[in-house]
């Protein structure tokens, strides 16, 4: 086997600049890169790819108010299997209100971004982690095949997080929250003034309420192998060790929390 990876390739830096302050859609496709978004005050996009010989190549296309950034491996190398892959990095500097719609996908790298305004955003990684902070938009979807997802200060109408084998951690998130994990725990700190839908296949769910006295929701929680615990006052309920159904206040919002192998906790954030 020809060794394309493993440190023998000479490091290369590829750069590109697009003189535009705002577009309708930004799409980023990468293979083995860690992707990082950085907000700057310039009215343009600055792109830098840290790669190596015979490694990912940077391509930038602008068409019909849509910017495409591709950092893919050459076609002949994608079929080569080698575990000693060096780290590559794709850095994208943009204005804070750059795009209305974002789609960001990487095969094995991590994704980090903060301080972005948008209408919709989707970020996906096959095996890396996702970190999102200080976002404001209508819909945010974050998916990882085997990595963790961390979100903080997210102001959206809908926040969806989904990981196959990692954990999900969220702080100060508004709007409806949908959180799923196949084999990790889910931990959110919320105001409680939103719909909550959390499902863990083989992990525990921890939900902490910053305003426990103002919780106004209909609650249904259950676990296959585990317990349901809460220190929130619930005057009328049907509770067993493995499930809890109750109503807080007028039951305005809906909480659905389920774990297959793990416990479910609803606690005041003290």
C-alpha atoms as a PDB file:
ATOM      1  CA  UNK A   1       0.000   0.000   0.000  1.00  0.00           C
ATOM      2  CA  UNK A   2       1.261   3.454  -0.853  1.00  0.00           C
ATOM      3  CA  UNK A   3       1.436   5.613   2.303  1.00  0.00           C
ATOM      4  CA  UNK A   4      -0.337   8.850   1.553  1.00  0.00           C
ATOM      5  CA  UNK A   5      -0.936   9.642   5.230  1.00  0.00           C
ATOM      6  CA  UNK A   6       1.084   9.281   8.383  1.00  0.00           C
ATOM      7  CA  UNK A   7       3.181  12.445   8.408  1.00  0.00           C
ATOM      8  CA  UNK A   8       5.224  11.942   5.228  1.00  0.00           C
ATOM      9  CA  UNK A   9       3.295  14.614   3.337  1.00  0.00           C
ATOM     10  CA  UNK A  10       4.772  18.114   3.388  1.00  0.00           C
ATOM     11  CA  UNK A  11       2.558  20.620   5.276  1.00  0.00           C
ATOM     12  CA  UNK A  12       0.741  23.049   2.982  1.00  0.00           C
ATOM     13  CA  UNK A  13      -1.384  26.130   3.658  1.00  0.00           C
ATOM     14  CA  UNK A  14      -4.003  27.067   1.064  1.00  0.00           C
ATOM     15  CA  UNK A  15      -5.855  30.393   1.319  1.00  0.00           C
ATOM     16  CA  UNK A  16      -8.705  32.121  -0.466  1.00  0.00           C
ATOM     17  CA  UNK A  17     -10.623  35.379   0.000  1.00  0.00           C
ATOM     18  CA  UNK A  18     -14.130  36.170  -1.198  1.00  0.00           C
ATOM     19  CA  UNK A  19     -15.060  39.855  -1.287  1.00  0.00           C
ATOM     20  CA  UNK A  20     -18.656  39.630  -0.130  1.00  0.00           C
ATOM     21  CA  UNK A  21     -20.352  40.709   3.111  1.00  0.00           C
ATOM     22  CA  UNK A  22     -23.589  38.694   3.009  1.00  0.00           C
ATOM     23  CA  UNK A  23     -25.078  35.816   1.047  1.00  0.00           C
ATOM     24  CA  UNK A  24     -28.165  33.648   1.089  1.00  0.00           C
ATOM     25  CA  UNK A  25     -26.495  30.278   1.627  1.00  0.00           C
ATOM     26  CA  UNK A  26     -23.123  28.943   2.767  1.00  0.00           C
ATOM     27  CA  UNK A  27     -22.243  25.277   2.247  1.00  0.00           C
ATOM     28  CA  UNK A  28     -19.057  23.715   3.630  1.00  0.00           C
ATOM     29  CA  UNK A  29     -17.994  20.156   2.763  1.00  0.00           C
ATOM     30  CA  UNK A  30     -14.839  18.621   4.252  1.00  0.00           C
ATOM     31  CA  UNK A  31     -13.277  15.184   4.660  1.00  0.00           C
ATOM     32  CA  UNK A  32     -10.726  14.929   7.489  1.00  0.00           C
ATOM     33  CA  UNK A  33     -10.572  18.534   8.632  1.00  0.00           C
ATOM     34  CA  UNK A  34     -11.467  20.201  11.878  1.00  0.00           C
ATOM     35  CA  UNK A  35     -13.635  23.193  10.946  1.00  0.00           C
ATOM     36  CA  UNK A  36     -13.614  26.450  12.865  1.00  0.00           C
ATOM     37  CA  UNK A  37     -15.684  29.565  12.219  1.00  0.00           C
ATOM     38  CA  UNK A  38     -14.314  32.895  13.419  1.00  0.00           C
ATOM     39  CA  UNK A  39     -16.313  36.121  13.298  1.00  0.00           C
ATOM     40  CA  UNK A  40     -14.492  39.260  12.202  1.00  0.00           C
ATOM     41  CA  UNK A  41     -15.479  42.837  11.340  1.00  0.00           C
ATOM     42  CA  UNK A  42     -14.319  42.711   7.738  1.00  0.00           C
ATOM     43  CA  UNK A  43     -16.916  42.612   4.948  1.00  0.00           C
ATOM     44  CA  UNK A  44     -15.436  39.556   3.302  1.00  0.00           C
ATOM     45  CA  UNK A  45     -14.685  35.863   3.809  1.00  0.00           C
ATOM     46  CA  UNK A  46     -11.167  34.663   4.549  1.00  0.00           C
ATOM     47  CA  UNK A  47     -10.545  30.916   4.198  1.00  0.00           C
ATOM     48  CA  UNK A  48      -7.433  29.035   5.267  1.00  0.00           C
ATOM     49  CA  UNK A  49      -6.825  25.299   4.910  1.00  0.00           C
ATOM     50  CA  UNK A  50      -3.907  23.681   6.730  1.00  0.00           C
ATOM     51  CA  UNK A  51      -3.306  20.486   4.761  1.00  0.00           C
ATOM     52  CA  UNK A  52      -0.450  18.387   3.355  1.00  0.00           C
ATOM     53  CA  UNK A  53       0.839  17.017   0.059  1.00  0.00           C
ATOM     54  CA  UNK A  54      -1.702  14.648  -1.505  1.00  0.00           C
ATOM     55  CA  UNK A  55      -4.123  15.671   1.224  1.00  0.00           C
ATOM     56  CA  UNK A  56      -7.354  17.710   1.118  1.00  0.00           C
ATOM     57  CA  UNK A  57      -7.538  20.453  -1.484  1.00  0.00           C
ATOM     58  CA  UNK A  58      -9.396  23.750  -1.140  1.00  0.00           C
ATOM     59  CA  UNK A  59     -12.038  24.693  -3.683  1.00  0.00           C
ATOM     60  CA  UNK A  60     -14.233  27.800  -3.426  1.00  0.00           C
ATOM     61  CA  UNK A  61     -17.181  28.502  -5.713  1.00  0.00           C
ATOM     62  CA  UNK A  62     -19.705  31.331  -5.763  1.00  0.00           C
ATOM     63  CA  UNK A  63     -22.955  30.905  -7.682  1.00  0.00           C
ATOM     64  CA  UNK A  64     -26.450  32.416  -7.425  1.00  0.00           C
ATOM     65  CA  UNK A  65     -25.912  33.990  -3.999  1.00  0.00           C
ATOM     66  CA  UNK A  66     -24.517  30.703  -2.700  1.00  0.00           C
ATOM     67  CA  UNK A  67     -20.952  30.190  -1.500  1.00  0.00           C
ATOM     68  CA  UNK A  68     -19.525  26.662  -1.588  1.00  0.00           C
ATOM     69  CA  UNK A  69     -16.341  25.755   0.272  1.00  0.00           C
ATOM     70  CA  UNK A  70     -14.990  22.263  -0.372  1.00  0.00           C
ATOM     71  CA  UNK A  71     -11.953  20.780   1.338  1.00  0.00           C
ATOM     72  CA  UNK A  72     -12.044  17.235   0.035  1.00  0.00           C
ATOM     73  CA  UNK A  73      -9.462  14.547  -0.494  1.00  0.00           C
ATOM     74  CA  UNK A  74      -8.445  13.777  -4.083  1.00  0.00           C
ATOM     75  CA  UNK A  75     -10.685  11.099  -5.535  1.00  0.00           C
ATOM     76  CA  UNK A  76      -7.896   8.532  -5.934  1.00  0.00           C
ATOM     77  CA  UNK A  77      -6.960   8.853  -2.238  1.00  0.00           C
ATOM     78  CA  UNK A  78     -10.456   8.497  -0.782  1.00  0.00           C
ATOM     79  CA  UNK A  79     -10.282   4.746  -1.361  1.00  0.00           C
ATOM     80  CA  UNK A  80      -7.048   4.385   0.625  1.00  0.00           C
ATOM     81  CA  UNK A  81      -7.587   3.202   4.212  1.00  0.00           C
ATOM     82  CA  UNK A  82      -4.909   4.321   6.696  1.00  0.00           C
ATOM     83  CA  UNK A  83      -5.493   5.159  10.345  1.00  0.00           C
ATOM     84  CA  UNK A  84      -2.487   7.476  10.715  1.00  0.00           C
ATOM     85  CA  UNK A  85      -4.189  10.559   9.351  1.00  0.00           C
ATOM     86  CA  UNK A  86      -2.612  13.911  10.316  1.00  0.00           C
ATOM     87  CA  UNK A  87      -4.780  16.684  11.628  1.00  0.00           C
ATOM     88  CA  UNK A  88      -5.996  19.171   9.057  1.00  0.00           C
ATOM     89  CA  UNK A  89      -7.730  22.443   9.846  1.00  0.00           C
ATOM     90  CA  UNK A  90     -10.182  24.539   7.877  1.00  0.00           C
ATOM     91  CA  UNK A  91     -10.552  28.068   9.270  1.00  0.00           C
ATOM     92  CA  UNK A  92     -13.337  30.293   7.946  1.00  0.00           C
ATOM     93  CA  UNK A  93     -13.516  33.955   8.961  1.00  0.00           C
ATOM     94  CA  UNK A  94     -16.848  35.645   8.222  1.00  0.00           C
ATOM     95  CA  UNK A  95     -19.004  38.624   9.273  1.00  0.00           C
ATOM     96  CA  UNK A  96     -21.434  37.879  12.099  1.00  0.00           C
ATOM     97  CA  UNK A  97     -24.535  38.130   9.851  1.00  0.00           C
ATOM     98  CA  UNK A  98     -22.949  36.519   6.819  1.00  0.00           C
ATOM     99  CA  UNK A  99     -25.422  33.847   5.667  1.00  0.00           C
ATOM    100  CA  UNK A 100     -29.129  33.182   6.012  1.00  0.00           C
ATOM    101  CA  UNK A 101     -28.721  29.397   5.705  1.00  0.00           C
ATOM    102  CA  UNK A 102     -25.702  27.284   6.718  1.00  0.00           C
ATOM    103  CA  UNK A 103     -24.864  23.665   5.876  1.00  0.00           C
ATOM    104  CA  UNK A 104     -21.587  22.364   7.314  1.00  0.00           C
ATOM    105  CA  UNK A 105     -20.474  18.746   6.910  1.00  0.00           C
ATOM    106  CA  UNK A 106     -17.195  16.990   7.724  1.00  0.00           C
ATOM    107  CA  UNK A 107     -16.507  13.245   7.583  1.00  0.00           C
ATOM    108  CA  UNK A 108     -14.261  12.833  10.623  1.00  0.00           C
ATOM    109  CA  UNK A 109     -13.352  16.272  11.937  1.00  0.00           C
ATOM    110  CA  UNK A 110     -14.777  18.440  14.694  1.00  0.00           C
ATOM    111  CA  UNK A 111     -16.762  21.657  14.201  1.00  0.00           C
ATOM    112  CA  UNK A 112     -16.492  24.795  16.343  1.00  0.00           C
ATOM    113  CA  UNK A 113     -18.401  28.049  15.905  1.00  0.00           C
ATOM    114  CA  UNK A 114     -19.746  30.939  17.953  1.00  0.00           C
ATOM    115  CA  UNK A 115     -21.324  34.382  17.665  1.00  0.00           C
ATOM    116  CA  UNK A 116     -23.364  33.685  14.509  1.00  0.00           C
ATOM    117  CA  UNK A 117     -26.751  35.019  13.386  1.00  0.00           C
ATOM    118  CA  UNK A 118     -28.757  32.991  10.853  1.00  0.00           C
ATOM    119  CA  UNK A 119     -32.151  31.691   9.804  1.00  0.00           C
ATOM    120  CA  UNK A 120     -31.287  27.975   9.657  1.00  0.00           C
ATOM    121  CA  UNK A 121     -28.094  26.037  10.318  1.00  0.00           C
ATOM    122  CA  UNK A 122     -27.190  22.349   9.992  1.00  0.00           C
ATOM    123  CA  UNK A 123     -23.845  20.973  11.174  1.00  0.00           C
ATOM    124  CA  UNK A 124     -22.915  17.313  10.773  1.00  0.00           C
ATOM    125  CA  UNK A 125     -19.808  15.244  11.483  1.00  0.00           C
ATOM    126  CA  UNK A 126     -19.240  11.545  11.144  1.00  0.00           C
ATOM    127  CA  UNK A 127     -16.878  11.017  14.055  1.00  0.00           C
ATOM    128  CA  UNK A 128     -15.976  14.407  15.547  1.00  0.00           C
ATOM    129  CA  UNK A 129     -17.409  16.705  18.169  1.00  0.00           C
ATOM    130  CA  UNK A 130     -19.511  19.850  17.694  1.00  0.00           C
ATOM    131  CA  UNK A 131     -19.274  22.997  19.811  1.00  0.00           C
ATOM    132  CA  UNK A 132     -21.724  25.869  19.244  1.00  0.00           C
ATOM    133  CA  UNK A 133     -21.882  29.036  21.348  1.00  0.00           C
ATOM    134  CA  UNK A 134     -23.760  32.345  21.191  1.00  0.00           C
ATOM    135  CA  UNK A 135     -26.064  31.510  18.277  1.00  0.00           C
ATOM    136  CA  UNK A 136     -29.249  33.324  17.302  1.00  0.00           C
ATOM    137  CA  UNK A 137     -31.572  31.928  14.628  1.00  0.00           C
ATOM    138  CA  UNK A 138     -34.767  30.065  13.858  1.00  0.00           C
ATOM    139  CA  UNK A 139     -33.544  26.462  13.571  1.00  0.00           C
ATOM    140  CA  UNK A 140     -30.285  24.768  14.579  1.00  0.00           C
ATOM    141  CA  UNK A 141     -29.594  21.081  13.831  1.00  0.00           C
ATOM    142  CA  UNK A 142     -26.401  19.423  15.114  1.00  0.00           C
ATOM    143  CA  UNK A 143     -25.572  15.773  14.395  1.00  0.00           C
ATOM    144  CA  UNK A 144     -22.532  13.615  15.155  1.00  0.00           C
ATOM    145  CA  UNK A 145     -22.041   9.940  14.481  1.00  0.00           C
ATOM    146  CA  UNK A 146     -19.688   9.261  17.397  1.00  0.00           C
ATOM    147  CA  UNK A 147     -18.720  12.563  19.017  1.00  0.00           C
ATOM    148  CA  UNK A 148     -19.990  14.821  21.768  1.00  0.00           C
ATOM    149  CA  UNK A 149     -22.135  17.918  21.237  1.00  0.00           C
ATOM    150  CA  UNK A 150     -21.842  21.035  23.398  1.00  0.00           C
ATOM    151  CA  UNK A 151     -24.110  24.061  23.074  1.00  0.00           C
ATOM    152  CA  UNK A 152     -24.262  27.236  25.137  1.00  0.00           C
ATOM    153  CA  UNK A 153     -26.305  30.420  24.914  1.00  0.00           C
ATOM    154  CA  UNK A 154     -28.436  29.262  21.978  1.00  0.00           C
ATOM    155  CA  UNK A 155     -31.467  31.391  21.106  1.00  0.00           C
ATOM    156  CA  UNK A 156     -33.525  29.531  18.499  1.00  0.00           C
ATOM    157  CA  UNK A 157     -37.099  28.405  17.966  1.00  0.00           C
ATOM    158  CA  UNK A 158     -35.904  24.811  17.551  1.00  0.00           C
ATOM    159  CA  UNK A 159     -32.635  23.235  18.689  1.00  0.00           C
ATOM    160  CA  UNK A 160     -31.998  19.627  17.654  1.00  0.00           C
ATOM    161  CA  UNK A 161     -28.956  17.654  18.773  1.00  0.00           C
ATOM    162  CA  UNK A 162     -28.313  14.035  17.813  1.00  0.00           C
ATOM    163  CA  UNK A 163     -25.262  11.866  18.495  1.00  0.00           C
ATOM    164  CA  UNK A 164     -24.766   8.161  18.061  1.00  0.00           C
ATOM    165  CA  UNK A 165     -22.165   7.487  20.749  1.00  0.00           C
ATOM    166  CA  UNK A 166     -21.327  10.789  22.419  1.00  0.00           C
ATOM    167  CA  UNK A 167     -22.781  12.961  25.138  1.00  0.00           C
ATOM    168  CA  UNK A 168     -24.881  16.115  24.778  1.00  0.00           C
ATOM    169  CA  UNK A 169     -24.331  19.108  27.066  1.00  0.00           C
ATOM    170  CA  UNK A 170     -26.411  22.282  26.842  1.00  0.00           C
ATOM    171  CA  UNK A 171     -26.525  25.535  28.818  1.00  0.00           C
ATOM    172  CA  UNK A 172     -28.788  28.577  28.479  1.00  0.00           C
ATOM    173  CA  UNK A 173     -30.790  27.294  25.509  1.00  0.00           C
ATOM    174  CA  UNK A 174     -34.212  28.692  24.575  1.00  0.00           C
ATOM    175  CA  UNK A 175     -36.876  27.367  22.214  1.00  0.00           C
ATOM    176  CA  UNK A 176     -37.911  23.746  21.729  1.00  0.00           C
ATOM    177  CA  UNK A 177     -35.077  21.342  22.539  1.00  0.00           C
ATOM    178  CA  UNK A 178     -34.794  17.917  20.900  1.00  0.00           C
ATOM    179  CA  UNK A 179     -31.816  15.938  22.211  1.00  0.00           C
ATOM    180  CA  UNK A 180     -30.910  12.362  21.289  1.00  0.00           C
ATOM    181  CA  UNK A 181     -27.984  10.122  22.165  1.00  0.00           C
ATOM    182  CA  UNK A 182     -27.534   6.476  21.317  1.00  0.00           C
ATOM    183  CA  UNK A 183     -24.879   5.635  23.908  1.00  0.00           C
ATOM    184  CA  UNK A 184     -24.137   8.784  25.886  1.00  0.00           C
ATOM    185  CA  UNK A 185     -25.658  11.003  28.530  1.00  0.00           C
ATOM    186  CA  UNK A 186     -27.748  14.135  27.963  1.00  0.00           C
ATOM    187  CA  UNK A 187     -27.315  17.094  30.292  1.00  0.00           C
ATOM    188  CA  UNK A 188     -29.188  20.386  29.853  1.00  0.00           C
ATOM    189  CA  UNK A 189     -29.632  23.502  32.001  1.00  0.00           C
ATOM    190  CA  UNK A 190     -32.815  25.274  30.895  1.00  0.00           C
ATOM    191  CA  UNK A 191     -35.365  27.832  32.032  1.00  0.00           C
ATOM    192  CA  UNK A 192     -38.114  25.273  31.451  1.00  0.00           C
ATOM    193  CA  UNK A 193     -40.229  27.675  29.390  1.00  0.00           C
ATOM    194  CA  UNK A 194     -40.051  25.504  26.282  1.00  0.00           C
ATOM    195  CA  UNK A 195     -40.911  22.045  24.984  1.00  0.00           C
ATOM    196  CA  UNK A 196     -38.353  19.379  25.839  1.00  0.00           C
ATOM    197  CA  UNK A 197     -37.883  16.083  23.997  1.00  0.00           C
ATOM    198  CA  UNK A 198     -34.924  14.013  25.176  1.00  0.00           C
ATOM    199  CA  UNK A 199     -34.112  10.403  24.402  1.00  0.00           C
ATOM    200  CA  UNK A 200     -31.051   8.423  25.520  1.00  0.00           C
ATOM    201  CA  UNK A 201     -30.543   4.832  24.433  1.00  0.00           C
ATOM    202  CA  UNK A 202     -27.850   3.879  26.946  1.00  0.00           C
ATOM    203  CA  UNK A 203     -27.213   6.957  29.053  1.00  0.00           C
ATOM    204  CA  UNK A 204     -28.807   9.086  31.735  1.00  0.00           C
ATOM    205  CA  UNK A 205     -30.701  12.345  31.221  1.00  0.00           C
ATOM    206  CA  UNK A 206     -30.001  15.287  33.522  1.00  0.00           C
ATOM    207  CA  UNK A 207     -32.295  18.322  33.284  1.00  0.00           C
ATOM    208  CA  UNK A 208     -31.651  21.303  35.556  1.00  0.00           C
ATOM    209  CA  UNK A 209     -34.158  24.167  35.775  1.00  0.00           C
ATOM    210  CA  UNK A 210     -32.933  27.703  36.443  1.00  0.00           C
ATOM    211  CA  UNK A 211     -36.456  28.876  37.394  1.00  0.00           C
ATOM    212  CA  UNK A 212     -37.998  25.793  39.032  1.00  0.00           C
ATOM    213  CA  UNK A 213     -40.898  27.747  40.589  1.00  0.00           C
ATOM    214  CA  UNK A 214     -42.003  28.899  37.126  1.00  0.00           C
ATOM    215  CA  UNK A 215     -42.011  25.477  35.452  1.00  0.00           C
ATOM    216  CA  UNK A 216     -45.310  25.159  33.589  1.00  0.00           C
ATOM    217  CA  UNK A 217     -45.452  21.814  31.791  1.00  0.00           C
ATOM    218  CA  UNK A 218     -46.954  18.379  31.344  1.00  0.00           C
ATOM    219  CA  UNK A 219     -44.256  15.835  32.109  1.00  0.00           C
ATOM    220  CA  UNK A 220     -43.845  12.255  30.914  1.00  0.00           C
ATOM    221  CA  UNK A 221     -40.604  10.513  31.827  1.00  0.00           C
ATOM    222  CA  UNK A 222     -39.625   6.856  31.714  1.00  0.00           C
ATOM    223  CA  UNK A 223     -36.616   4.570  31.795  1.00  0.00           C
ATOM    224  CA  UNK A 224     -36.193   0.908  30.904  1.00  0.00           C
ATOM    225  CA  UNK A 225     -33.355   0.113  33.316  1.00  0.00           C
ATOM    226  CA  UNK A 226     -32.922   3.011  35.720  1.00  0.00           C
ATOM    227  CA  UNK A 227     -34.831   5.380  37.964  1.00  0.00           C
ATOM    228  CA  UNK A 228     -36.633   8.714  37.626  1.00  0.00           C
ATOM    229  CA  UNK A 229     -35.757  11.303  40.271  1.00  0.00           C
ATOM    230  CA  UNK A 230     -36.883  14.889  40.870  1.00  0.00           C
ATOM    231  CA  UNK A 231     -36.728  17.472  43.631  1.00  0.00           C
ATOM    232  CA  UNK A 232     -39.309  19.695  41.941  1.00  0.00           C
ATOM    233  CA  UNK A 233     -42.692  19.983  43.675  1.00  0.00           C
ATOM    234  CA  UNK A 234     -45.445  18.130  41.772  1.00  0.00           C
ATOM    235  CA  UNK A 235     -48.790  18.110  43.597  1.00  0.00           C
ATOM    236  CA  UNK A 236     -50.514  15.482  41.482  1.00  0.00           C
ATOM    237  CA  UNK A 237     -48.667  12.666  39.785  1.00  0.00           C
ATOM    238  CA  UNK A 238     -48.368   9.028  38.911  1.00  0.00           C
ATOM    239  CA  UNK A 239     -44.893   7.964  39.863  1.00  0.00           C
ATOM    240  CA  UNK A 240     -43.020   4.689  39.999  1.00  0.00           C
ATOM    241  CA  UNK A 241     -39.311   4.221  40.309  1.00  0.00           C
ATOM    242  CA  UNK A 242     -38.984   3.950  36.524  1.00  0.00           C
ATOM    243  CA  UNK A 243     -41.447   6.608  35.343  1.00  0.00           C
ATOM    244  CA  UNK A 244     -43.113   9.873  36.278  1.00  0.00           C
ATOM    245  CA  UNK A 245     -46.189  11.558  34.820  1.00  0.00           C
ATOM    246  CA  UNK A 246     -47.188  14.879  36.335  1.00  0.00           C
ATOM    247  CA  UNK A 247     -48.264  18.448  35.622  1.00  0.00           C
ATOM    248  CA  UNK A 248     -46.527  21.629  36.715  1.00  0.00           C
ATOM    249  CA  UNK A 249     -48.682  24.756  36.723  1.00  0.00           C
ATOM    250  CA  UNK A 250     -51.123  24.769  33.809  1.00  0.00           C
ATOM    251  CA  UNK A 251     -49.114  22.266  31.774  1.00  0.00           C
ATOM    252  CA  UNK A 252     -48.362  24.761  29.007  1.00  0.00           C
ATOM    253  CA  UNK A 253     -45.241  23.032  27.697  1.00  0.00           C
ATOM    254  CA  UNK A 254     -44.559  19.362  27.058  1.00  0.00           C
ATOM    255  CA  UNK A 255     -41.628  17.412  28.505  1.00  0.00           C
ATOM    256  CA  UNK A 256     -40.890  13.948  27.092  1.00  0.00           C
ATOM    257  CA  UNK A 257     -37.770  12.370  28.600  1.00  0.00           C
ATOM    258  CA  UNK A 258     -36.933   8.705  27.977  1.00  0.00           C
ATOM    259  CA  UNK A 259     -33.897   6.545  28.668  1.00  0.00           C
ATOM    260  CA  UNK A 260     -33.438   2.910  27.727  1.00  0.00           C
ATOM    261  CA  UNK A 261     -30.548   2.084  30.060  1.00  0.00           C
ATOM    262  CA  UNK A 262     -30.021   5.006  32.427  1.00  0.00           C
ATOM    263  CA  UNK A 263     -31.784   7.298  34.859  1.00  0.00           C
ATOM    264  CA  UNK A 264     -33.752  10.503  34.340  1.00  0.00           C
ATOM    265  CA  UNK A 265     -33.278  13.506  36.641  1.00  0.00           C
ATOM    266  CA  UNK A 266     -35.355  16.696  36.890  1.00  0.00           C
ATOM    267  CA  UNK A 267     -33.699  18.985  39.397  1.00  0.00           C
ATOM    268  CA  UNK A 268     -33.680  22.622  40.423  1.00  0.00           C
ATOM    269  CA  UNK A 269     -30.430  24.286  39.332  1.00  0.00           C
ATOM    270  CA  UNK A 270     -28.992  25.319  42.688  1.00  0.00           C
END
